[in-house]
Amino acid sequence: MPSDAPGYIDSLYLNTDLSDPTREKITFIHFSDAHLDMYYEEGTYADCGSNYCCRSESAPGQDTVLAGKWGATSNSKNNCDIPMITLQNALQQIK
């Protein structure tokens, strides 16, 4: 199979006429590892000192930084993944 040959992909680039305005162009996005928290809850403690914060069971930590609508602020020492609304909005923007 040609795609198994060393340098096959590189040779495709070398043989592509990038100046040809009629060549097929595609757009794609590689999206991975979103760190989505299905239990994220706005207004909960973002600095709870546990492995998972921004949840209803999160206790206050040293600071009282609260989880926001779109995620925890960067100035909190949190262990919060993003809420569903942030992922949905990102995918809508990508679309």
PDB file of N, CA and C in Angstrom:
ATOM      1  N   MET A   1       0.848  -1.179   0.000  1.00  0.00           N
ATOM      2  CA  MET A   1       0.000   0.000   0.000  1.00  0.00           C
ATOM      3  C   MET A   1       0.892   1.240   0.000  1.00  0.00           C
ATOM      4  N   PRO A   2       0.686   2.181  -0.905  1.00  0.00           N
ATOM      5  CA  PRO A   2       1.575   3.354  -1.003  1.00  0.00           C
ATOM      6  C   PRO A   2       1.621   4.197   0.266  1.00  0.00           C
ATOM      7  N   SER A   3       0.511   4.315   0.977  1.00  0.00           N
ATOM      8  CA  SER A   3       0.498   5.177   2.153  1.00  0.00           C
ATOM      9  C   SER A   3       1.379   4.632   3.277  1.00  0.00           C
ATOM     10  N   ASP A   4       1.771   3.360   3.191  1.00  0.00           N
ATOM     11  CA  ASP A   4       2.660   2.771   4.191  1.00  0.00           C
ATOM     12  C   ASP A   4       4.132   3.055   3.883  1.00  0.00           C
ATOM     13  N   ALA A   5       4.425   3.487   2.681  1.00  0.00           N
ATOM     14  CA  ALA A   5       5.809   3.714   2.271  1.00  0.00           C
ATOM     15  C   ALA A   5       6.374   4.941   2.993  1.00  0.00           C
ATOM     16  N   PRO A   6       7.618   4.854   3.440  1.00  0.00           N
ATOM     17  CA  PRO A   6       8.246   6.009   4.092  1.00  0.00           C
ATOM     18  C   PRO A   6       8.257   7.221   3.150  1.00  0.00           C
ATOM     19  N   GLY A   7       7.872   8.363   3.669  1.00  0.00           N
ATOM     20  CA  GLY A   7       7.900   9.589   2.885  1.00  0.00           C
ATOM     21  C   GLY A   7       6.728   9.771   1.938  1.00  0.00           C
ATOM     22  N   TYR A   8       5.735   8.889   1.973  1.00  0.00           N
ATOM     23  CA  TYR A   8       4.608   8.974   1.042  1.00  0.00           C
ATOM     24  C   TYR A   8       3.862  10.303   1.176  1.00  0.00           C
ATOM     25  N   ILE A   9       3.511  10.676   2.397  1.00  0.00           N
ATOM     26  CA  ILE A   9       2.775  11.927   2.617  1.00  0.00           C
ATOM     27  C   ILE A   9       3.623  13.122   2.204  1.00  0.00           C
ATOM     28  N   ASP A  10       4.903  13.105   2.578  1.00  0.00           N
ATOM     29  CA  ASP A  10       5.792  14.201   2.189  1.00  0.00           C
ATOM     30  C   ASP A  10       5.852  14.346   0.671  1.00  0.00           C
ATOM     31  N   SER A  11       5.867  13.237  -0.045  1.00  0.00           N
ATOM     32  CA  SER A  11       5.936  13.304  -1.508  1.00  0.00           C
ATOM     33  C   SER A  11       4.655  13.899  -2.093  1.00  0.00           C
ATOM     34  N   LEU A  12       3.527  13.693  -1.441  1.00  0.00           N
ATOM     35  CA  LEU A  12       2.279  14.307  -1.914  1.00  0.00           C
ATOM     36  C   LEU A  12       2.370  15.831  -1.850  1.00  0.00           C
ATOM     37  N   TYR A  13       2.944  16.348  -0.773  1.00  0.00           N
ATOM     38  CA  TYR A  13       3.108  17.791  -0.655  1.00  0.00           C
ATOM     39  C   TYR A  13       4.077  18.319  -1.706  1.00  0.00           C
ATOM     40  N   LEU A  14       5.150  17.606  -1.929  1.00  0.00           N
ATOM     41  CA  LEU A  14       6.142  18.048  -2.903  1.00  0.00           C
ATOM     42  C   LEU A  14       5.575  18.061  -4.329  1.00  0.00           C
ATOM     43  N   ASN A  15       4.621  17.176  -4.605  1.00  0.00           N
ATOM     44  CA  ASN A  15       4.042  17.073  -5.941  1.00  0.00           C
ATOM     45  C   ASN A  15       2.747  17.865  -6.105  1.00  0.00           C
ATOM     46  N   THR A  16       2.395  18.663  -5.117  1.00  0.00           N
ATOM     47  CA  THR A  16       1.179  19.465  -5.179  1.00  0.00           C
ATOM     48  C   THR A  16       1.515  20.871  -5.652  1.00  0.00           C
ATOM     49  N   ASP A  17       0.820  21.313  -6.667  1.00  0.00           N
ATOM     50  CA  ASP A  17       1.015  22.670  -7.178  1.00  0.00           C
ATOM     51  C   ASP A  17       0.161  23.616  -6.349  1.00  0.00           C
ATOM     52  N   LEU A  18       0.773  24.240  -5.351  1.00  0.00           N
ATOM     53  CA  LEU A  18       0.041  25.112  -4.435  1.00  0.00           C
ATOM     54  C   LEU A  18      -0.434  26.402  -5.099  1.00  0.00           C
ATOM     55  N   SER A  19       0.120  26.731  -6.233  1.00  0.00           N
ATOM     56  CA  SER A  19      -0.291  27.958  -6.923  1.00  0.00           C
ATOM     57  C   SER A  19      -1.517  27.740  -7.799  1.00  0.00           C
ATOM     58  N   ASP A  20      -1.967  26.499  -7.984  1.00  0.00           N
ATOM     59  CA  ASP A  20      -3.128  26.189  -8.823  1.00  0.00           C
ATOM     60  C   ASP A  20      -4.409  26.582  -8.097  1.00  0.00           C
ATOM     61  N   PRO A  21      -5.100  27.642  -8.557  1.00  0.00           N
ATOM     62  CA  PRO A  21      -6.318  28.094  -7.870  1.00  0.00           C
ATOM     63  C   PRO A  21      -7.493  27.117  -8.010  1.00  0.00           C
ATOM     64  N   THR A  22      -7.398  26.153  -8.905  1.00  0.00           N
ATOM     65  CA  THR A  22      -8.509  25.213  -9.094  1.00  0.00           C
ATOM     66  C   THR A  22      -8.348  23.942  -8.253  1.00  0.00           C
ATOM     67  N   ARG A  23      -7.219  23.816  -7.540  1.00  0.00           N
ATOM     68  CA  ARG A  23      -7.041  22.596  -6.759  1.00  0.00           C
ATOM     69  C   ARG A  23      -8.042  22.558  -5.607  1.00  0.00           C
ATOM     70  N   GLU A  24      -8.421  21.353  -5.227  1.00  0.00           N
ATOM     71  CA  GLU A  24      -9.389  21.173  -4.146  1.00  0.00           C
ATOM     72  C   GLU A  24      -8.773  21.597  -2.818  1.00  0.00           C
ATOM     73  N   LYS A  25      -9.514  22.376  -2.060  1.00  0.00           N
ATOM     74  CA  LYS A  25      -9.076  22.824  -0.745  1.00  0.00           C
ATOM     75  C   LYS A  25     -10.113  22.369   0.270  1.00  0.00           C
ATOM     76  N   ILE A  26      -9.638  21.927   1.406  1.00  0.00           N
ATOM     77  CA  ILE A  26     -10.545  21.513   2.473  1.00  0.00           C
ATOM     78  C   ILE A  26     -10.198  22.259   3.753  1.00  0.00           C
ATOM     79  N   THR A  27     -11.160  22.363   4.626  1.00  0.00           N
ATOM     80  CA  THR A  27     -10.965  22.950   5.940  1.00  0.00           C
ATOM     81  C   THR A  27     -11.363  21.904   6.966  1.00  0.00           C
ATOM     82  N   PHE A  28     -10.570  21.757   7.982  1.00  0.00           N
ATOM     83  CA  PHE A  28     -10.912  20.801   9.030  1.00  0.00           C
ATOM     84  C   PHE A  28     -10.433  21.334  10.364  1.00  0.00           C
ATOM     85  N   ILE A  29     -10.952  20.749  11.409  1.00  0.00           N
ATOM     86  CA  ILE A  29     -10.513  21.079  12.761  1.00  0.00           C
ATOM     87  C   ILE A  29     -10.257  19.778  13.499  1.00  0.00           C
ATOM     88  N   HIS A  30      -9.189  19.761  14.239  1.00  0.00           N
ATOM     89  CA  HIS A  30      -8.866  18.621  15.098  1.00  0.00           C
ATOM     90  C   HIS A  30      -9.214  19.054  16.519  1.00  0.00           C
ATOM     91  N   PHE A  31     -10.165  18.394  17.105  1.00  0.00           N
ATOM     92  CA  PHE A  31     -10.662  18.757  18.427  1.00  0.00           C
ATOM     93  C   PHE A  31     -10.521  17.552  19.339  1.00  0.00           C
ATOM     94  N   SER A  32      -9.807  17.703  20.435  1.00  0.00           N
ATOM     95  CA  SER A  32      -9.649  16.572  21.350  1.00  0.00           C
ATOM     96  C   SER A  32      -9.479  17.051  22.785  1.00  0.00           C
ATOM     97  N   ASP A  33      -9.734  16.149  23.701  1.00  0.00           N
ATOM     98  CA  ASP A  33      -9.457  16.357  25.119  1.00  0.00           C
ATOM     99  C   ASP A  33     -10.098  17.632  25.671  1.00  0.00           C
ATOM    100  N   ALA A  34     -11.396  17.740  25.553  1.00  0.00           N
ATOM    101  CA  ALA A  34     -12.111  18.951  25.951  1.00  0.00           C
ATOM    102  C   ALA A  34     -12.221  19.136  27.458  1.00  0.00           C
ATOM    103  N   HIS A  35     -11.998  18.107  28.241  1.00  0.00           N
ATOM    104  CA  HIS A  35     -12.135  18.181  29.702  1.00  0.00           C
ATOM    105  C   HIS A  35     -13.499  18.730  30.094  1.00  0.00           C
ATOM    106  N   LEU A  36     -14.518  18.066  29.678  1.00  0.00           N
ATOM    107  CA  LEU A  36     -15.898  18.441  29.965  1.00  0.00           C
ATOM    108  C   LEU A  36     -16.321  17.861  31.305  1.00  0.00           C
ATOM    109  N   ASP A  37     -16.973  18.669  32.128  1.00  0.00           N
ATOM    110  CA  ASP A  37     -17.502  18.191  33.409  1.00  0.00           C
ATOM    111  C   ASP A  37     -19.022  18.218  33.352  1.00  0.00           C
ATOM    112  N   MET A  38     -19.603  17.050  33.277  1.00  0.00           N
ATOM    113  CA  MET A  38     -21.065  16.941  33.199  1.00  0.00           C
ATOM    114  C   MET A  38     -21.738  17.349  34.504  1.00  0.00           C
ATOM    115  N   TYR A  39     -20.977  17.463  35.593  1.00  0.00           N
ATOM    116  CA  TYR A  39     -21.535  17.841  36.898  1.00  0.00           C
ATOM    117  C   TYR A  39     -21.193  19.285  37.275  1.00  0.00           C
ATOM    118  N   TYR A  40     -20.623  20.030  36.342  1.00  0.00           N
ATOM    119  CA  TYR A  40     -20.273  21.434  36.590  1.00  0.00           C
ATOM    120  C   TYR A  40     -21.528  22.194  36.973  1.00  0.00           C
ATOM    121  N   GLU A  41     -21.389  23.067  37.965  1.00  0.00           N
ATOM    122  CA  GLU A  41     -22.532  23.862  38.404  1.00  0.00           C
ATOM    123  C   GLU A  41     -22.090  25.295  38.670  1.00  0.00           C
ATOM    124  N   GLU A  42     -22.656  26.216  37.927  1.00  0.00           N
ATOM    125  CA  GLU A  42     -22.335  27.633  38.096  1.00  0.00           C
ATOM    126  C   GLU A  42     -22.632  28.073  39.524  1.00  0.00           C
ATOM    127  N   GLY A  43     -21.737  28.890  40.080  1.00  0.00           N
ATOM    128  CA  GLY A  43     -21.925  29.426  41.426  1.00  0.00           C
ATOM    129  C   GLY A  43     -21.355  28.563  42.533  1.00  0.00           C
ATOM    130  N   THR A  44     -20.815  27.400  42.192  1.00  0.00           N
ATOM    131  CA  THR A  44     -20.196  26.554  43.210  1.00  0.00           C
ATOM    132  C   THR A  44     -18.738  26.967  43.395  1.00  0.00           C
ATOM    133  N   TYR A  45     -18.068  26.358  44.358  1.00  0.00           N
ATOM    134  CA  TYR A  45     -16.695  26.747  44.669  1.00  0.00           C
ATOM    135  C   TYR A  45     -15.713  26.205  43.641  1.00  0.00           C
ATOM    136  N   ALA A  46     -14.896  27.118  43.102  1.00  0.00           N
ATOM    137  CA  ALA A  46     -13.899  26.755  42.088  1.00  0.00           C
ATOM    138  C   ALA A  46     -12.546  26.442  42.718  1.00  0.00           C
ATOM    139  N   ASP A  47     -12.409  26.714  43.996  1.00  0.00           N
ATOM    140  CA  ASP A  47     -11.128  26.511  44.682  1.00  0.00           C
ATOM    141  C   ASP A  47     -11.325  25.602  45.893  1.00  0.00           C
ATOM    142  N   CYS A  48     -11.978  24.483  45.684  1.00  0.00           N
ATOM    143  CA  CYS A  48     -12.395  23.629  46.798  1.00  0.00           C
ATOM    144  C   CYS A  48     -11.265  22.805  47.412  1.00  0.00           C
ATOM    145  N   GLY A  49     -10.105  22.731  46.771  1.00  0.00           N
ATOM    146  CA  GLY A  49      -8.995  21.962  47.305  1.00  0.00           C
ATOM    147  C   GLY A  49      -9.097  20.468  47.026  1.00  0.00           C
ATOM    148  N   SER A  50     -10.067  20.060  46.256  1.00  0.00           N
ATOM    149  CA  SER A  50     -10.259  18.658  45.908  1.00  0.00           C
ATOM    150  C   SER A  50      -9.814  18.431  44.464  1.00  0.00           C
ATOM    151  N   ASN A  51      -9.866  17.187  44.013  1.00  0.00           N
ATOM    152  CA  ASN A  51      -9.532  16.884  42.624  1.00  0.00           C
ATOM    153  C   ASN A  51     -10.585  17.409  41.657  1.00  0.00           C
ATOM    154  N   TYR A  52     -11.807  17.498  42.092  1.00  0.00           N
ATOM    155  CA  TYR A  52     -12.898  18.003  41.246  1.00  0.00           C
ATOM    156  C   TYR A  52     -13.646  19.083  42.001  1.00  0.00           C
ATOM    157  N   CYS A  53     -13.621  20.282  41.460  1.00  0.00           N
ATOM    158  CA  CYS A  53     -14.343  21.398  42.056  1.00  0.00           C
ATOM    159  C   CYS A  53     -15.442  21.832  41.084  1.00  0.00           C
ATOM    160  N   CYS A  54     -16.094  22.935  41.373  1.00  0.00           N
ATOM    161  CA  CYS A  54     -17.169  23.487  40.532  1.00  0.00           C
ATOM    162  C   CYS A  54     -18.361  22.523  40.455  1.00  0.00           C
ATOM    163  N   ARG A  55     -18.595  21.821  41.530  1.00  0.00           N
ATOM    164  CA  ARG A  55     -19.716  20.887  41.615  1.00  0.00           C
ATOM    165  C   ARG A  55     -20.536  21.207  42.863  1.00  0.00           C
ATOM    166  N   SER A  56     -21.750  20.729  42.898  1.00  0.00           N
ATOM    167  CA  SER A  56     -22.631  21.038  44.024  1.00  0.00           C
ATOM    168  C   SER A  56     -22.050  20.610  45.368  1.00  0.00           C
ATOM    169  N   GLU A  57     -21.251  19.561  45.396  1.00  0.00           N
ATOM    170  CA  GLU A  57     -20.678  19.083  46.655  1.00  0.00           C
ATOM    171  C   GLU A  57     -19.354  19.754  47.012  1.00  0.00           C
ATOM    172  N   SER A  58     -18.876  20.705  46.190  1.00  0.00           N
ATOM    173  CA  SER A  58     -17.597  21.374  46.433  1.00  0.00           C
ATOM    174  C   SER A  58     -17.670  22.257  47.670  1.00  0.00           C
ATOM    175  N   ALA A  59     -16.715  22.061  48.576  1.00  0.00           N
ATOM    176  CA  ALA A  59     -16.631  22.887  49.777  1.00  0.00           C
ATOM    177  C   ALA A  59     -15.692  24.062  49.500  1.00  0.00           C
ATOM    178  N   PRO A  60     -15.844  25.163  50.238  1.00  0.00           N
ATOM    179  CA  PRO A  60     -14.951  26.304  50.005  1.00  0.00           C
ATOM    180  C   PRO A  60     -13.515  25.965  50.361  1.00  0.00           C
ATOM    181  N   GLY A  61     -12.587  26.505  49.582  1.00  0.00           N
ATOM    182  CA  GLY A  61     -11.163  26.345  49.852  1.00  0.00           C
ATOM    183  C   GLY A  61     -10.654  27.567  50.575  1.00  0.00           C
ATOM    184  N   GLN A  62      -9.374  27.911  50.356  1.00  0.00           N
ATOM    185  CA  GLN A  62      -8.797  29.081  51.017  1.00  0.00           C
ATOM    186  C   GLN A  62      -9.417  30.375  50.491  1.00  0.00           C
ATOM    187  N   ASP A  63      -9.725  30.413  49.218  1.00  0.00           N
ATOM    188  CA  ASP A  63     -10.368  31.579  48.623  1.00  0.00           C
ATOM    189  C   ASP A  63     -11.836  31.230  48.378  1.00  0.00           C
ATOM    190  N   THR A  64     -12.610  32.210  48.023  1.00  0.00           N
ATOM    191  CA  THR A  64     -14.023  31.934  47.739  1.00  0.00           C
ATOM    192  C   THR A  64     -14.342  32.277  46.291  1.00  0.00           C
ATOM    193  N   VAL A  65     -13.507  31.783  45.380  1.00  0.00           N
ATOM    194  CA  VAL A  65     -13.746  31.985  43.947  1.00  0.00           C
ATOM    195  C   VAL A  65     -14.869  31.051  43.526  1.00  0.00           C
ATOM    196  N   LEU A  66     -15.847  31.611  42.839  1.00  0.00           N
ATOM    197  CA  LEU A  66     -16.998  30.819  42.413  1.00  0.00           C
ATOM    198  C   LEU A  66     -16.920  30.487  40.926  1.00  0.00           C
ATOM    199  N   ALA A  67     -17.496  29.377  40.569  1.00  0.00           N
ATOM    200  CA  ALA A  67     -17.539  28.941  39.177  1.00  0.00           C
ATOM    201  C   ALA A  67     -18.474  29.860  38.388  1.00  0.00           C
ATOM    202  N   GLY A  68     -18.014  30.315  37.248  1.00  0.00           N
ATOM    203  CA  GLY A  68     -18.824  31.182  36.409  1.00  0.00           C
ATOM    204  C   GLY A  68     -19.663  30.397  35.412  1.00  0.00           C
ATOM    205  N   LYS A  69     -20.452  31.116  34.638  1.00  0.00           N
ATOM    206  CA  LYS A  69     -21.324  30.479  33.654  1.00  0.00           C
ATOM    207  C   LYS A  69     -20.526  29.676  32.629  1.00  0.00           C
ATOM    208  N   TRP A  70     -19.411  30.242  32.148  1.00  0.00           N
ATOM    209  CA  TRP A  70     -18.636  29.631  31.060  1.00  0.00           C
ATOM    210  C   TRP A  70     -17.458  28.827  31.560  1.00  0.00           C
ATOM    211  N   GLY A  71     -17.181  28.870  32.858  1.00  0.00           N
ATOM    212  CA  GLY A  71     -16.057  28.149  33.434  1.00  0.00           C
ATOM    213  C   GLY A  71     -15.490  28.936  34.600  1.00  0.00           C
ATOM    214  N   ALA A  72     -14.506  28.365  35.254  1.00  0.00           N
ATOM    215  CA  ALA A  72     -13.865  29.027  36.384  1.00  0.00           C
ATOM    216  C   ALA A  72     -12.852  30.033  35.869  1.00  0.00           C
ATOM    217  N   THR A  73     -12.689  31.119  36.592  1.00  0.00           N
ATOM    218  CA  THR A  73     -11.742  32.144  36.172  1.00  0.00           C
ATOM    219  C   THR A  73     -10.316  31.652  36.315  1.00  0.00           C
ATOM    220  N   SER A  74      -9.439  32.227  35.538  1.00  0.00           N
ATOM    221  CA  SER A  74      -8.042  31.783  35.531  1.00  0.00           C
ATOM    222  C   SER A  74      -7.304  32.184  36.806  1.00  0.00           C
ATOM    223  N   ASN A  75      -7.860  33.120  37.590  1.00  0.00           N
ATOM    224  CA  ASN A  75      -7.163  33.519  38.812  1.00  0.00           C
ATOM    225  C   ASN A  75      -7.503  32.613  39.996  1.00  0.00           C
ATOM    226  N   SER A  76      -8.344  31.623  39.782  1.00  0.00           N
ATOM    227  CA  SER A  76      -8.640  30.681  40.864  1.00  0.00           C
ATOM    228  C   SER A  76      -7.676  29.499  40.780  1.00  0.00           C
ATOM    229  N   LYS A  77      -7.403  28.911  41.935  1.00  0.00           N
ATOM    230  CA  LYS A  77      -6.574  27.699  41.974  1.00  0.00           C
ATOM    231  C   LYS A  77      -7.551  26.533  41.940  1.00  0.00           C
ATOM    232  N   ASN A  78      -8.110  26.293  40.772  1.00  0.00           N
ATOM    233  CA  ASN A  78      -9.220  25.352  40.709  1.00  0.00           C
ATOM    234  C   ASN A  78      -8.875  24.051  40.011  1.00  0.00           C
ATOM    235  N   ASN A  79      -9.707  23.100  40.233  1.00  0.00           N
ATOM    236  CA  ASN A  79      -9.658  21.822  39.537  1.00  0.00           C
ATOM    237  C   ASN A  79     -10.995  21.644  38.837  1.00  0.00           C
ATOM    238  N   CYS A  80     -11.316  22.593  37.980  1.00  0.00           N
ATOM    239  CA  CYS A  80     -12.598  22.575  37.289  1.00  0.00           C
ATOM    240  C   CYS A  80     -12.380  22.345  35.798  1.00  0.00           C
ATOM    241  N   ASP A  81     -13.146  21.433  35.253  1.00  0.00           N
ATOM    242  CA  ASP A  81     -13.195  21.283  33.813  1.00  0.00           C
ATOM    243  C   ASP A  81     -14.315  22.178  33.298  1.00  0.00           C
ATOM    244  N   ILE A  82     -14.451  22.280  31.989  1.00  0.00           N
ATOM    245  CA  ILE A  82     -15.438  23.220  31.437  1.00  0.00           C
ATOM    246  C   ILE A  82     -16.861  22.668  31.522  1.00  0.00           C
ATOM    247  N   PRO A  83     -17.840  23.579  31.608  1.00  0.00           N
ATOM    248  CA  PRO A  83     -19.236  23.148  31.598  1.00  0.00           C
ATOM    249  C   PRO A  83     -19.711  22.858  30.172  1.00  0.00           C
ATOM    250  N   MET A  84     -20.813  22.159  30.056  1.00  0.00           N
ATOM    251  CA  MET A  84     -21.382  21.793  28.755  1.00  0.00           C
ATOM    252  C   MET A  84     -21.651  23.023  27.892  1.00  0.00           C
ATOM    253  N   ILE A  85     -22.116  24.110  28.486  1.00  0.00           N
ATOM    254  CA  ILE A  85     -22.456  25.307  27.707  1.00  0.00           C
ATOM    255  C   ILE A  85     -21.234  25.852  26.969  1.00  0.00           C
ATOM    256  N   THR A  86     -20.055  25.740  27.554  1.00  0.00           N
ATOM    257  CA  THR A  86     -18.832  26.224  26.911  1.00  0.00           C
ATOM    258  C   THR A  86     -18.492  25.372  25.698  1.00  0.00           C
ATOM    259  N   LEU A  87     -18.590  24.060  25.853  1.00  0.00           N
ATOM    260  CA  LEU A  87     -18.328  23.163  24.728  1.00  0.00           C
ATOM    261  C   LEU A  87     -19.350  23.375  23.616  1.00  0.00           C
ATOM    262  N   GLN A  88     -20.626  23.486  23.976  1.00  0.00           N
ATOM    263  CA  GLN A  88     -21.672  23.696  22.968  1.00  0.00           C
ATOM    264  C   GLN A  88     -21.440  25.000  22.205  1.00  0.00           C
ATOM    265  N   ASN A  89     -21.068  26.056  22.916  1.00  0.00           N
ATOM    266  CA  ASN A  89     -20.827  27.345  22.276  1.00  0.00           C
ATOM    267  C   ASN A  89     -19.610  27.274  21.352  1.00  0.00           C
ATOM    268  N   ALA A  90     -18.568  26.600  21.787  1.00  0.00           N
ATOM    269  CA  ALA A  90     -17.362  26.456  20.960  1.00  0.00           C
ATOM    270  C   ALA A  90     -17.688  25.712  19.678  1.00  0.00           C
ATOM    271  N   LEU A  91     -18.439  24.621  19.796  1.00  0.00           N
ATOM    272  CA  LEU A  91     -18.797  23.851  18.596  1.00  0.00           C
ATOM    273  C   LEU A  91     -19.701  24.648  17.667  1.00  0.00           C
ATOM    274  N   GLN A  92     -20.574  25.472  18.230  1.00  0.00           N
ATOM    275  CA  GLN A  92     -21.435  26.328  17.391  1.00  0.00           C
ATOM    276  C   GLN A  92     -20.593  27.355  16.636  1.00  0.00           C
ATOM    277  N   GLN A  93     -19.585  27.911  17.307  1.00  0.00           N
ATOM    278  CA  GLN A  93     -18.710  28.874  16.654  1.00  0.00           C
ATOM    279  C   GLN A  93     -17.888  28.207  15.552  1.00  0.00           C
ATOM    280  N   ILE A  94     -17.457  26.982  15.796  1.00  0.00           N
ATOM    281  CA  ILE A  94     -16.693  26.238  14.797  1.00  0.00           C
ATOM    282  C   ILE A  94     -17.563  25.950  13.581  1.00  0.00           C
ATOM    283  N   LYS A  95     -18.794  25.595  13.840  1.00  0.00           N
ATOM    284  CA  LYS A  95     -19.734  25.267  12.750  1.00  0.00           C
ATOM    285  C   LYS A  95     -19.885  26.437  11.806  1.00  0.00           C
TER     286      LYS A  95
END
